[in-house]
Amino acid sequence: MIQFFRKIRQEYFTQNRFGKYFVYAIGEILLVVIGILIAVAINNRNEQKKLDAQLETYRTSLTEELGQDIVNLNKSKDDLLRKRESIFNYVDYYNTKNPEANVLLQKMEVINWSKSAFYTNTYTIEDLITTGNLSLFPKQEKQAILKLKNIQERYFTYETQTIENSALYDLELKKNIDLLFFKGYSAKQHPTVLKWKDDLDSKQFRTLNNTFAESLTLYDFQEDLYIRLIEDTQLLLELIKQH
């Protein structure tokens, strides 16, 4: 097509028909410009398709990760309830009028006062932030993602600190008992802590009760944390699924 215009333009030029020569010259320029604009539009459309496909991939990953977080958070919350119930079973008997030390110790043996933190599966959020690809998302989704990320970082820091504080009481208990005897590895008990299990007024029982109290404080905090995380994770998940 360009060669066709060029041939006509050459004919008008050699025939000194300058008016028509300029018309065809301008037409040739416009044709080139239109071709460039079409090429740019096609390229932009292809690039947008790539970005849309990348966004869809991120949404798919986030949907899977957020869904797994909700499942794990609910499991963690249920686990906390079981731990609290086992401690309160001990506490309820401890609060009776004349609790027996051997019964308390039996109830203590079935208590699980282990501590664990929740770890999110939303690795895609970290990738979006570090790569700058969060800009692919519409404003509402972007804000919801950043909000959840902020809550995760803030509360996970508090959770770790609370677990560390609670662990100090576990350490204090270990310092005041014979762990070999306490865990059943030895039938011999160190004389400095001999028969503390028979004395509800002993330092060891007080330390044990303090350990349970700190564990309950931690579990209360974690339960509130997990409920909040479940709500915000569910909101983000529903928002992403709308697209």
Foldseek 3Di string as FASTA:
>chain_A
DLVVLVVVLVVCVVVVVVVVNVVSVVVSVVVVVVVVVVVVVVVVVVVVVVLVVVVVVLLVLLLVQLVVLLVVLVVVLVVLVVLLVLLVVLVVQVPDDDRFLVVSLVSVVPHDLDDDADDGSPVSLVVCVVVVVLVSDPPVLSVLSVVLVVLCVVLSVVLVVLNVVLVVLVVVLPVQFDVCVSVPVDVDGDPVNPPVSRPCPDPNVVSVVVSSVSSNVSSVSSSVSSVVSSVSSVVSSVVSVVD
